PDB file of all heavy atoms in Angstrom:
ATOM      1  N   GLN A   1       0.851  -1.159  -0.017  1.00  0.00           N
ATOM      2  CA  GLN A   1      -0.018  -0.005  -0.002  1.00  0.00           C
ATOM      3  C   GLN A   1       0.884   1.263   0.007  1.00  0.00           C
ATOM      4  O   GLN A   1       0.633   2.207   0.756  1.00  0.00           O
ATOM      5  CB  GLN A   1      -0.972   0.014   1.162  1.00  0.00           C
ATOM      6  CG  GLN A   1      -2.014  -1.150   1.198  1.00  0.00           C
ATOM      7  CD  GLN A   1      -3.067  -1.038   2.175  1.00  0.00           C
ATOM      8  OE1 GLN A   1      -2.886  -0.242   3.183  1.00  0.00           O
ATOM      9  NE2 GLN A   1      -4.089  -1.799   2.019  1.00  0.00           N
ATOM     10  N   HIS A   2       1.840   1.282  -0.889  1.00  0.00           N
ATOM     11  CA  HIS A   2       2.762   2.384  -1.070  1.00  0.00           C
ATOM     12  C   HIS A   2       2.526   3.125  -2.333  1.00  0.00           C
ATOM     13  O   HIS A   2       2.409   2.558  -3.407  1.00  0.00           O
ATOM     14  CB  HIS A   2       4.141   1.815  -1.067  1.00  0.00           C
ATOM     15  CG  HIS A   2       5.371   2.768  -1.174  1.00  0.00           C
ATOM     16  ND1 HIS A   2       5.997   3.330  -0.009  1.00  0.00           N
ATOM     17  CD2 HIS A   2       5.858   3.471  -2.206  1.00  0.00           C
ATOM     18  CE1 HIS A   2       6.921   4.112  -0.458  1.00  0.00           C
ATOM     19  NE2 HIS A   2       6.842   4.319  -1.742  1.00  0.00           N
ATOM     20  N   THR A   3       2.440   4.479  -2.229  1.00  0.00           N
ATOM     21  CA  THR A   3       2.051   5.270  -3.304  1.00  0.00           C
ATOM     22  C   THR A   3       3.155   5.307  -4.367  1.00  0.00           C
ATOM     23  O   THR A   3       4.334   5.628  -3.993  1.00  0.00           O
ATOM     24  CB  THR A   3       1.824   6.714  -2.956  1.00  0.00           C
ATOM     25  OG1 THR A   3       0.768   6.742  -1.834  1.00  0.00           O
ATOM     26  CG2 THR A   3       1.362   7.570  -4.144  1.00  0.00           C
ATOM     27  N   LEU A   4       2.833   4.909  -5.630  1.00  0.00           N
ATOM     28  CA  LEU A   4       3.845   5.055  -6.811  1.00  0.00           C
ATOM     29  C   LEU A   4       3.089   5.937  -7.847  1.00  0.00           C
ATOM     30  O   LEU A   4       1.970   5.632  -8.245  1.00  0.00           O
ATOM     31  CB  LEU A   4       4.024   3.653  -7.313  1.00  0.00           C
ATOM     32  CG  LEU A   4       4.899   3.639  -8.665  1.00  0.00           C
ATOM     33  CD1 LEU A   4       6.317   4.128  -8.462  1.00  0.00           C
ATOM     34  CD2 LEU A   4       4.909   2.218  -9.242  1.00  0.00           C
ATOM     35  N   ILE A   5       3.903   6.903  -8.323  1.00  0.00           N
ATOM     36  CA  ILE A   5       3.470   7.577  -9.534  1.00  0.00           C
ATOM     37  C   ILE A   5       4.443   7.393 -10.570  1.00  0.00           C
ATOM     38  O   ILE A   5       5.627   7.595 -10.439  1.00  0.00           O
ATOM     39  CB  ILE A   5       3.335   9.139  -9.285  1.00  0.00           C
ATOM     40  CG1 ILE A   5       2.381   9.461  -8.159  1.00  0.00           C
ATOM     41  CG2 ILE A   5       2.938   9.890 -10.589  1.00  0.00           C
ATOM     42  CD1 ILE A   5       2.190  10.914  -7.872  1.00  0.00           C
ATOM     43  N   VAL A   6       3.973   6.891 -11.780  1.00  0.00           N
ATOM     44  CA  VAL A   6       4.896   6.478 -12.879  1.00  0.00           C
ATOM     45  C   VAL A   6       4.780   7.732 -13.834  1.00  0.00           C
ATOM     46  O   VAL A   6       3.777   7.899 -14.470  1.00  0.00           O
ATOM     47  CB  VAL A   6       4.334   5.213 -13.580  1.00  0.00           C
ATOM     48  CG1 VAL A   6       5.213   4.839 -14.757  1.00  0.00           C
ATOM     49  CG2 VAL A   6       4.329   4.040 -12.551  1.00  0.00           C
ATOM     50  N   PRO A   7       5.915   8.415 -14.078  1.00  0.00           N
ATOM     51  CA  PRO A   7       5.947   9.559 -14.953  1.00  0.00           C
ATOM     52  C   PRO A   7       6.403   9.291 -16.354  1.00  0.00           C
ATOM     53  O   PRO A   7       6.205  10.222 -17.137  1.00  0.00           O
ATOM     54  CB  PRO A   7       6.838  10.596 -14.162  1.00  0.00           C
ATOM     55  CG  PRO A   7       7.889   9.654 -13.618  1.00  0.00           C
ATOM     56  CD  PRO A   7       7.232   8.378 -13.285  1.00  0.00           C
ATOM     57  N   CYS A   8       6.946   8.161 -16.643  1.00  0.00           N
ATOM     58  CA  CYS A   8       7.492   7.884 -17.866  1.00  0.00           C
ATOM     59  C   CYS A   8       6.997   6.681 -18.637  1.00  0.00           C
ATOM     60  O   CYS A   8       6.567   6.697 -19.809  1.00  0.00           O
ATOM     61  CB  CYS A   8       9.041   7.864 -17.825  1.00  0.00           C
ATOM     62  SG  CYS A   8       9.765   9.348 -17.176  1.00  0.00           S
ATOM     63  N   ALA A   9       7.097   5.550 -17.964  1.00  0.00           N
ATOM     64  CA  ALA A   9       6.692   4.145 -18.597  1.00  0.00           C
ATOM     65  C   ALA A   9       5.279   4.225 -19.111  1.00  0.00           C
ATOM     66  O   ALA A   9       4.383   4.595 -18.259  1.00  0.00           O
ATOM     67  CB  ALA A   9       6.864   3.108 -17.600  1.00  0.00           C
ATOM     68  N   THR A  10       5.008   3.790 -20.293  1.00  0.00           N
ATOM     69  CA  THR A  10       3.729   3.960 -20.995  1.00  0.00           C
ATOM     70  C   THR A  10       2.968   2.755 -21.210  1.00  0.00           C
ATOM     71  O   THR A  10       1.789   2.786 -21.767  1.00  0.00           O
ATOM     72  CB  THR A  10       3.922   4.701 -22.252  1.00  0.00           C
ATOM     73  OG1 THR A  10       4.825   3.935 -23.070  1.00  0.00           O
ATOM     74  CG2 THR A  10       4.502   6.095 -22.053  1.00  0.00           C
ATOM     75  N   GLY A  11       3.487   1.534 -20.924  1.00  0.00           N
ATOM     76  CA  GLY A  11       2.765   0.314 -21.180  1.00  0.00           C
ATOM     77  C   GLY A  11       1.314   0.376 -20.602  1.00  0.00           C
ATOM     78  O   GLY A  11       0.998   0.697 -19.450  1.00  0.00           O
ATOM     79  N   THR A  12       0.347   0.000 -21.365  1.00  0.00           N
ATOM     80  CA  THR A  12      -1.088   0.070 -21.055  1.00  0.00           C
ATOM     81  C   THR A  12      -1.335  -0.730 -19.780  1.00  0.00           C
ATOM     82  O   THR A  12      -2.153  -0.303 -18.940  1.00  0.00           O
ATOM     83  CB  THR A  12      -1.915  -0.402 -22.173  1.00  0.00           C
ATOM     84  OG1 THR A  12      -1.612   0.322 -23.364  1.00  0.00           O
ATOM     85  CG2 THR A  12      -3.426  -0.396 -21.901  1.00  0.00           C
ATOM     86  N   ALA A  13      -0.715  -1.919 -19.567  1.00  0.00           N
ATOM     87  CA  ALA A  13      -0.985  -2.707 -18.488  1.00  0.00           C
ATOM     88  C   ALA A  13      -0.569  -2.168 -17.088  1.00  0.00           C
ATOM     89  O   ALA A  13      -0.969  -2.632 -16.005  1.00  0.00           O
ATOM     90  CB  ALA A  13      -0.161  -4.096 -18.685  1.00  0.00           C
ATOM     91  N   ILE A  14       0.310  -1.151 -17.091  1.00  0.00           N
ATOM     92  CA  ILE A  14       0.821  -0.662 -15.812  1.00  0.00           C
ATOM     93  C   ILE A  14      -0.261  -0.182 -14.900  1.00  0.00           C
ATOM     94  O   ILE A  14      -0.264  -0.490 -13.668  1.00  0.00           O
ATOM     95  CB  ILE A  14       1.871   0.500 -16.088  1.00  0.00           C
ATOM     96  CG1 ILE A  14       3.166  -0.066 -16.639  1.00  0.00           C
ATOM     97  CG2 ILE A  14       2.152   1.283 -14.670  1.00  0.00           C
ATOM     98  CD1 ILE A  14       4.132   0.969 -17.104  1.00  0.00           C
ATOM     99  N   THR A  15      -1.228   0.557 -15.484  1.00  0.00           N
ATOM    100  CA  THR A  15      -2.348   1.075 -14.556  1.00  0.00           C
ATOM    101  C   THR A  15      -3.579   0.164 -14.784  1.00  0.00           C
ATOM    102  O   THR A  15      -4.569   0.479 -14.167  1.00  0.00           O
ATOM    103  CB  THR A  15      -2.764   2.481 -14.900  1.00  0.00           C
ATOM    104  OG1 THR A  15      -2.784   2.573 -16.366  1.00  0.00           O
ATOM    105  CG2 THR A  15      -1.681   3.514 -14.331  1.00  0.00           C
ATOM    106  N   ALA A  16      -3.469  -0.907 -15.523  1.00  0.00           N
ATOM    107  CA  ALA A  16      -4.570  -1.886 -15.684  1.00  0.00           C
ATOM    108  C   ALA A  16      -4.423  -3.041 -14.894  1.00  0.00           C
ATOM    109  O   ALA A  16      -5.377  -3.912 -14.707  1.00  0.00           O
ATOM    110  CB  ALA A  16      -4.712  -2.213 -17.144  1.00  0.00           C
ATOM    111  N   LYS A  17      -3.243  -3.349 -14.279  1.00  0.00           N
ATOM    112  CA  LYS A  17      -2.924  -4.609 -13.542  1.00  0.00           C
ATOM    113  C   LYS A  17      -3.891  -4.685 -12.325  1.00  0.00           C
ATOM    114  O   LYS A  17      -4.383  -5.801 -12.026  1.00  0.00           O
ATOM    115  CB  LYS A  17      -1.529  -4.611 -13.123  1.00  0.00           C
ATOM    116  CG  LYS A  17      -1.182  -5.942 -12.406  1.00  0.00           C
ATOM    117  CD  LYS A  17       0.300  -6.116 -12.164  1.00  0.00           C
ATOM    118  CE  LYS A  17       0.543  -7.477 -11.568  1.00  0.00           C
ATOM    119  NZ  LYS A  17       1.998  -7.734 -11.257  1.00  0.00           N
ATOM    120  N   TYR A  18      -4.111  -3.631 -11.721  1.00  0.00           N
ATOM    121  CA  TYR A  18      -5.030  -3.548 -10.525  1.00  0.00           C
ATOM    122  C   TYR A  18      -6.196  -2.580 -10.824  1.00  0.00           C
ATOM    123  O   TYR A  18      -5.975  -1.559 -11.364  1.00  0.00           O
ATOM    124  CB  TYR A  18      -4.324  -3.182  -9.304  1.00  0.00           C
ATOM    125  CG  TYR A  18      -3.032  -3.738  -9.137  1.00  0.00           C
ATOM    126  CD1 TYR A  18      -1.766  -3.038  -9.247  1.00  0.00           C
ATOM    127  CD2 TYR A  18      -2.839  -5.129  -8.680  1.00  0.00           C
ATOM    128  CE1 TYR A  18      -0.598  -3.540  -9.137  1.00  0.00           C
ATOM    129  CE2 TYR A  18      -1.665  -5.599  -8.519  1.00  0.00           C
ATOM    130  CZ  TYR A  18      -0.498  -4.915  -8.700  1.00  0.00           C
ATOM    131  OH  TYR A  18       0.825  -5.452  -8.609  1.00  0.00           O
ATOM    132  N   PRO A  19      -7.375  -2.930 -10.412  1.00  0.00           N
ATOM    133  CA  PRO A  19      -8.514  -2.001 -10.574  1.00  0.00           C
ATOM    134  C   PRO A  19      -8.182  -0.683  -9.775  1.00  0.00           C
ATOM    135  O   PRO A  19      -7.628  -0.692  -8.694  1.00  0.00           O
ATOM    136  CB  PRO A  19      -9.724  -2.740  -9.810  1.00  0.00           C
ATOM    137  CG  PRO A  19      -9.352  -4.208  -9.924  1.00  0.00           C
ATOM    138  CD  PRO A  19      -7.800  -4.252  -9.695  1.00  0.00           C
ATOM    139  N   ALA A  20      -8.500   0.408 -10.414  1.00  0.00           N
ATOM    140  CA  ALA A  20      -8.176   1.695  -9.859  1.00  0.00           C
ATOM    141  C   ALA A  20      -8.730   1.880  -8.378  1.00  0.00           C
ATOM    142  O   ALA A  20      -8.141   2.485  -7.536  1.00  0.00           O
ATOM    143  CB  ALA A  20      -8.719   2.831 -10.734  1.00  0.00           C
ATOM    144  N   ALA A  21      -9.864   1.265  -8.169  1.00  0.00           N
ATOM    145  CA  ALA A  21     -10.424   1.495  -6.868  1.00  0.00           C
ATOM    146  C   ALA A  21      -9.622   0.839  -5.738  1.00  0.00           C
ATOM    147  O   ALA A  21      -9.678   1.329  -4.578  1.00  0.00           O
ATOM    148  CB  ALA A  21     -11.889   0.809  -6.810  1.00  0.00           C
ATOM    149  N   GLN A  22      -8.801  -0.062  -6.021  1.00  0.00           N
ATOM    150  CA  GLN A  22      -7.891  -0.766  -5.100  1.00  0.00           C
ATOM    151  C   GLN A  22      -6.462  -0.430  -5.344  1.00  0.00           C
ATOM    152  O   GLN A  22      -5.587  -0.694  -4.478  1.00  0.00           O
ATOM    153  CB  GLN A  22      -8.018  -2.246  -5.119  1.00  0.00           C
ATOM    154  CG  GLN A  22      -9.344  -2.790  -4.565  1.00  0.00           C
ATOM    155  CD  GLN A  22     -10.486  -2.750  -5.518  1.00  0.00           C
ATOM    156  OE1 GLN A  22     -10.365  -3.208  -6.746  1.00  0.00           O
ATOM    157  NE2 GLN A  22     -11.683  -2.274  -5.160  1.00  0.00           N
ATOM    158  N   SER A  23      -6.133   0.239  -6.342  1.00  0.00           N
ATOM    159  CA  SER A  23      -4.666   0.417  -6.749  1.00  0.00           C
ATOM    160  C   SER A  23      -3.984   1.631  -6.071  1.00  0.00           C
ATOM    161  O   SER A  23      -4.604   2.720  -5.858  1.00  0.00           O
ATOM    162  CB  SER A  23      -4.646   0.661  -8.405  1.00  0.00           C
ATOM    163  OG  SER A  23      -3.332   0.861  -8.758  1.00  0.00           O
ATOM    164  N   PHE A  24      -2.716   1.489  -5.878  1.00  0.00           N
ATOM    165  CA  PHE A  24      -1.884   2.448  -5.367  1.00  0.00           C
ATOM    166  C   PHE A  24      -0.897   2.948  -6.437  1.00  0.00           C
ATOM    167  O   PHE A  24       0.064   3.609  -6.172  1.00  0.00           O
ATOM    168  CB  PHE A  24      -1.061   2.017  -4.101  1.00  0.00           C
ATOM    169  CG  PHE A  24      -2.019   1.663  -2.919  1.00  0.00           C
ATOM    170  CD1 PHE A  24      -2.639   0.433  -2.868  1.00  0.00           C
ATOM    171  CD2 PHE A  24      -2.250   2.699  -2.005  1.00  0.00           C
ATOM    172  CE1 PHE A  24      -3.452   0.195  -1.743  1.00  0.00           C
ATOM    173  CE2 PHE A  24      -3.169   2.433  -0.976  1.00  0.00           C
ATOM    174  CZ  PHE A  24      -3.749   1.235  -0.877  1.00  0.00           C
ATOM    175  N   ILE A  25      -1.160   2.573  -7.716  1.00  0.00           N
ATOM    176  CA  ILE A  25      -0.292   2.955  -8.818  1.00  0.00           C
ATOM    177  C   ILE A  25      -0.973   4.053  -9.705  1.00  0.00           C
ATOM    178  O   ILE A  25      -2.145   3.884 -10.160  1.00  0.00           O
ATOM    179  CB  ILE A  25      -0.050   1.708  -9.755  1.00  0.00           C
ATOM    180  CG1 ILE A  25       0.282   0.453  -8.930  1.00  0.00           C
ATOM    181  CG2 ILE A  25       1.070   1.989 -10.812  1.00  0.00           C
ATOM    182  CD1 ILE A  25       1.477   0.567  -8.102  1.00  0.00           C
ATOM    183  N   PHE A  26      -0.284   5.183  -9.870  1.00  0.00           N
ATOM    184  CA  PHE A  26      -0.844   6.268 -10.652  1.00  0.00           C
ATOM    185  C   PHE A  26       0.237   6.627 -11.707  1.00  0.00           C
ATOM    186  O   PHE A  26       1.337   6.126 -11.660  1.00  0.00           O
ATOM    187  CB  PHE A  26      -0.950   7.475  -9.796  1.00  0.00           C
ATOM    188  CG  PHE A  26      -1.944   7.311  -8.629  1.00  0.00           C
ATOM    189  CD1 PHE A  26      -1.588   6.612  -7.449  1.00  0.00           C
ATOM    190  CD2 PHE A  26      -3.241   7.737  -8.680  1.00  0.00           C
ATOM    191  CE1 PHE A  26      -2.503   6.378  -6.360  1.00  0.00           C
ATOM    192  CE2 PHE A  26      -4.062   7.561  -7.629  1.00  0.00           C
ATOM    193  CZ  PHE A  26      -3.727   6.911  -6.501  1.00  0.00           C
ATOM    194  N   ARG A  27      -0.244   7.392 -12.738  1.00  0.00           N
ATOM    195  CA  ARG A  27       0.698   7.650 -13.811  1.00  0.00           C
ATOM    196  C   ARG A  27       0.381   8.977 -14.460  1.00  0.00           C
ATOM    197  O   ARG A  27      -0.757   9.416 -14.579  1.00  0.00           O
ATOM    198  CB  ARG A  27       0.505   6.584 -14.948  1.00  0.00           C
ATOM    199  CG  ARG A  27       1.356   6.866 -16.211  1.00  0.00           C
ATOM    200  CD  ARG A  27       1.602   5.619 -17.031  1.00  0.00           C
ATOM    201  NE  ARG A  27       0.334   5.001 -17.470  1.00  0.00           N
ATOM    202  CZ  ARG A  27       0.354   3.807 -18.101  1.00  0.00           C
ATOM    203  NH1 ARG A  27       1.497   3.248 -18.422  1.00  0.00           N
ATOM    204  NH2 ARG A  27      -0.814   3.281 -18.408  1.00  0.00           N
ATOM    205  N   THR A  28       1.475   9.781 -14.879  1.00  0.00           N
ATOM    206  CA  THR A  28       1.333  11.012 -15.497  1.00  0.00           C
ATOM    207  C   THR A  28       1.848  11.031 -16.900  1.00  0.00           C
ATOM    208  O   THR A  28       2.141  12.045 -17.499  1.00  0.00           O
ATOM    209  CB  THR A  28       2.066  12.130 -14.776  1.00  0.00           C
ATOM    210  OG1 THR A  28       3.473  11.704 -14.466  1.00  0.00           O
ATOM    211  CG2 THR A  28       1.489  12.408 -13.358  1.00  0.00           C
ATOM    212  N   ALA A  29       2.054   9.822 -17.505  1.00  0.00           N
ATOM    213  CA  ALA A  29       2.423   9.623 -18.858  1.00  0.00           C
ATOM    214  C   ALA A  29       1.308   9.154 -19.694  1.00  0.00           C
ATOM    215  O   ALA A  29       0.312   8.614 -19.113  1.00  0.00           O
ATOM    216  CB  ALA A  29       3.638   8.616 -18.937  1.00  0.00           C
ATOM    217  N   ALA A  30       1.393   9.276 -20.971  1.00  0.00           N
ATOM    218  CA  ALA A  30       0.362   8.804 -21.873  1.00  0.00           C
ATOM    219  C   ALA A  30       0.427   7.331 -22.136  1.00  0.00           C
ATOM    220  O   ALA A  30       1.414   6.811 -22.623  1.00  0.00           O
ATOM    221  CB  ALA A  30       0.332   9.560 -23.240  1.00  0.00           C
ATOM    222  N   PRO A  31      -0.624   6.524 -21.822  1.00  0.00           N
ATOM    223  CA  PRO A  31      -0.651   5.039 -22.010  1.00  0.00           C
ATOM    224  C   PRO A  31      -0.526   4.744 -23.466  1.00  0.00           C
ATOM    225  O   PRO A  31      -0.886   5.536 -24.317  1.00  0.00           O
ATOM    226  CB  PRO A  31      -2.049   4.656 -21.502  1.00  0.00           C
ATOM    227  CG  PRO A  31      -2.473   5.716 -20.631  1.00  0.00           C
ATOM    228  CD  PRO A  31      -1.862   6.989 -21.173  1.00  0.00           C
ATOM    229  N   ASP A  32       0.170   3.638 -23.683  1.00  0.00           N
ATOM    230  CA  ASP A  32       0.357   3.174 -25.093  1.00  0.00           C
ATOM    231  C   ASP A  32      -0.976   3.027 -25.866  1.00  0.00           C
ATOM    232  O   ASP A  32      -1.054   3.239 -27.066  1.00  0.00           O
ATOM    233  CB  ASP A  32       1.175   1.916 -25.142  1.00  0.00           C
ATOM    234  CG  ASP A  32       2.555   2.044 -24.840  1.00  0.00           C
ATOM    235  OD1 ASP A  32       3.072   3.239 -24.868  1.00  0.00           O
ATOM    236  OD2 ASP A  32       3.233   1.131 -24.410  1.00  0.00           O
ATOM    237  N   GLN A  33      -1.958   2.630 -25.093  1.00  0.00           N
ATOM    238  CA  GLN A  33      -3.337   2.533 -25.731  1.00  0.00           C
ATOM    239  C   GLN A  33      -3.869   3.826 -26.331  1.00  0.00           C
ATOM    240  O   GLN A  33      -4.364   3.847 -27.459  1.00  0.00           O
ATOM    241  CB  GLN A  33      -4.290   2.088 -24.758  1.00  0.00           C
ATOM    242  CG  GLN A  33      -5.709   1.694 -25.322  1.00  0.00           C
ATOM    243  CD  GLN A  33      -6.598   1.132 -24.281  1.00  0.00           C
ATOM    244  OE1 GLN A  33      -6.616   1.560 -23.064  1.00  0.00           O
ATOM    245  NE2 GLN A  33      -7.475   0.206 -24.565  1.00  0.00           N
ATOM    246  N   HIS A  34      -3.460   4.917 -25.680  1.00  0.00           N
ATOM    247  CA  HIS A  34      -3.833   6.289 -26.239  1.00  0.00           C
ATOM    248  C   HIS A  34      -2.878   6.610 -27.411  1.00  0.00           C
ATOM    249  O   HIS A  34      -3.277   7.243 -28.453  1.00  0.00           O
ATOM    250  CB  HIS A  34      -3.701   7.301 -25.095  1.00  0.00           C
ATOM    251  CG  HIS A  34      -4.715   7.174 -24.108  1.00  0.00           C
ATOM    252  ND1 HIS A  34      -5.981   6.411 -24.274  1.00  0.00           N
ATOM    253  CD2 HIS A  34      -4.874   7.744 -22.932  1.00  0.00           C
ATOM    254  CE1 HIS A  34      -6.692   6.524 -23.222  1.00  0.00           C
ATOM    255  NE2 HIS A  34      -6.034   7.271 -22.291  1.00  0.00           N
ATOM    256  N   GLN A  35      -1.608   6.353 -27.206  1.00  0.00           N
ATOM    257  CA  GLN A  35      -0.608   6.764 -28.199  1.00  0.00           C
ATOM    258  C   GLN A  35      -0.830   6.002 -29.526  1.00  0.00           C
ATOM    259  O   GLN A  35      -0.761   6.615 -30.647  1.00  0.00           O
ATOM    260  CB  GLN A  35       0.835   6.382 -27.744  1.00  0.00           C
ATOM    261  CG  GLN A  35       1.249   7.313 -26.558  1.00  0.00           C
ATOM    262  CD  GLN A  35       2.735   7.140 -26.319  1.00  0.00           C
ATOM    263  OE1 GLN A  35       3.594   7.579 -27.223  1.00  0.00           O
ATOM    264  NE2 GLN A  35       3.165   6.581 -25.187  1.00  0.00           N
ATOM    265  N   THR A  36      -1.160   4.721 -29.495  1.00  0.00           N
ATOM    266  CA  THR A  36      -1.384   4.045 -30.729  1.00  0.00           C
ATOM    267  C   THR A  36      -2.678   4.455 -31.399  1.00  0.00           C
ATOM    268  O   THR A  36      -2.676   4.626 -32.610  1.00  0.00           O
ATOM    269  CB  THR A  36      -1.499   2.421 -30.392  1.00  0.00           C
ATOM    270  OG1 THR A  36      -2.451   2.330 -29.320  1.00  0.00           O
ATOM    271  CG2 THR A  36      -0.217   1.937 -29.938  1.00  0.00           C
ATOM    272  N   GLN A  37      -3.726   4.756 -30.635  1.00  0.00           N
ATOM    273  CA  GLN A  37      -4.928   5.283 -31.194  1.00  0.00           C
ATOM    274  C   GLN A  37      -4.703   6.679 -31.859  1.00  0.00           C
ATOM    275  O   GLN A  37      -5.164   6.971 -32.921  1.00  0.00           O
ATOM    276  CB  GLN A  37      -6.007   5.374 -30.192  1.00  0.00           C
ATOM    277  CG  GLN A  37      -7.443   5.797 -30.681  1.00  0.00           C
ATOM    278  CD  GLN A  37      -7.906   4.654 -31.666  1.00  0.00           C
ATOM    279  OE1 GLN A  37      -8.003   3.544 -31.306  1.00  0.00           O
ATOM    280  NE2 GLN A  37      -8.238   5.050 -32.876  1.00  0.00           N
ATOM    281  N   PHE A  38      -3.929   7.484 -31.127  1.00  0.00           N
ATOM    282  CA  PHE A  38      -3.545   8.812 -31.792  1.00  0.00           C
ATOM    283  C   PHE A  38      -2.894   8.627 -33.035  1.00  0.00           C
ATOM    284  O   PHE A  38      -3.207   9.461 -34.057  1.00  0.00           O
ATOM    285  CB  PHE A  38      -2.749   9.526 -30.633  1.00  0.00           C
ATOM    286  CG  PHE A  38      -2.308  10.880 -31.163  1.00  0.00           C
ATOM    287  CD1 PHE A  38      -3.169  12.004 -30.899  1.00  0.00           C
ATOM    288  CD2 PHE A  38      -1.113  11.133 -31.821  1.00  0.00           C
ATOM    289  CE1 PHE A  38      -2.856  13.302 -31.359  1.00  0.00           C
ATOM    290  CE2 PHE A  38      -0.717  12.490 -32.135  1.00  0.00           C
ATOM    291  CZ  PHE A  38      -1.584  13.499 -31.940  1.00  0.00           C
ATOM    292  N   LEU A  39      -1.881   7.790 -33.140  1.00  0.00           N
ATOM    293  CA  LEU A  39      -1.178   7.655 -34.390  1.00  0.00           C
ATOM    294  C   LEU A  39      -2.032   7.072 -35.537  1.00  0.00           C
ATOM    295  O   LEU A  39      -2.025   7.524 -36.704  1.00  0.00           O
ATOM    296  CB  LEU A  39      -0.004   6.635 -34.188  1.00  0.00           C
ATOM    297  CG  LEU A  39       1.125   7.151 -33.305  1.00  0.00           C
ATOM    298  CD1 LEU A  39       2.261   6.090 -33.051  1.00  0.00           C
ATOM    299  CD2 LEU A  39       1.838   8.385 -33.944  1.00  0.00           C
ATOM    300  N   VAL A  40      -2.977   6.088 -35.201  1.00  0.00           N
ATOM    301  CA  VAL A  40      -3.797   5.506 -36.296  1.00  0.00           C
ATOM    302  C   VAL A  40      -4.816   6.616 -36.747  1.00  0.00           C
ATOM    303  O   VAL A  40      -5.089   6.701 -37.900  1.00  0.00           O
ATOM    304  CB  VAL A  40      -4.550   4.288 -35.687  1.00  0.00           C
ATOM    305  CG1 VAL A  40      -5.580   3.861 -36.640  1.00  0.00           C
ATOM    306  CG2 VAL A  40      -3.468   3.184 -35.522  1.00  0.00           C
TER     307      VAL A  40
END
């Protein structure tokens, strides 16, 4: 239960591994799911 903010790594799974309601993992980078959609 330790707060982690990920500012660079973009793998979609990083913030999807745990449901947000229970997760202590946050991110300020753009997920790859968004980047790929943007490019397409």
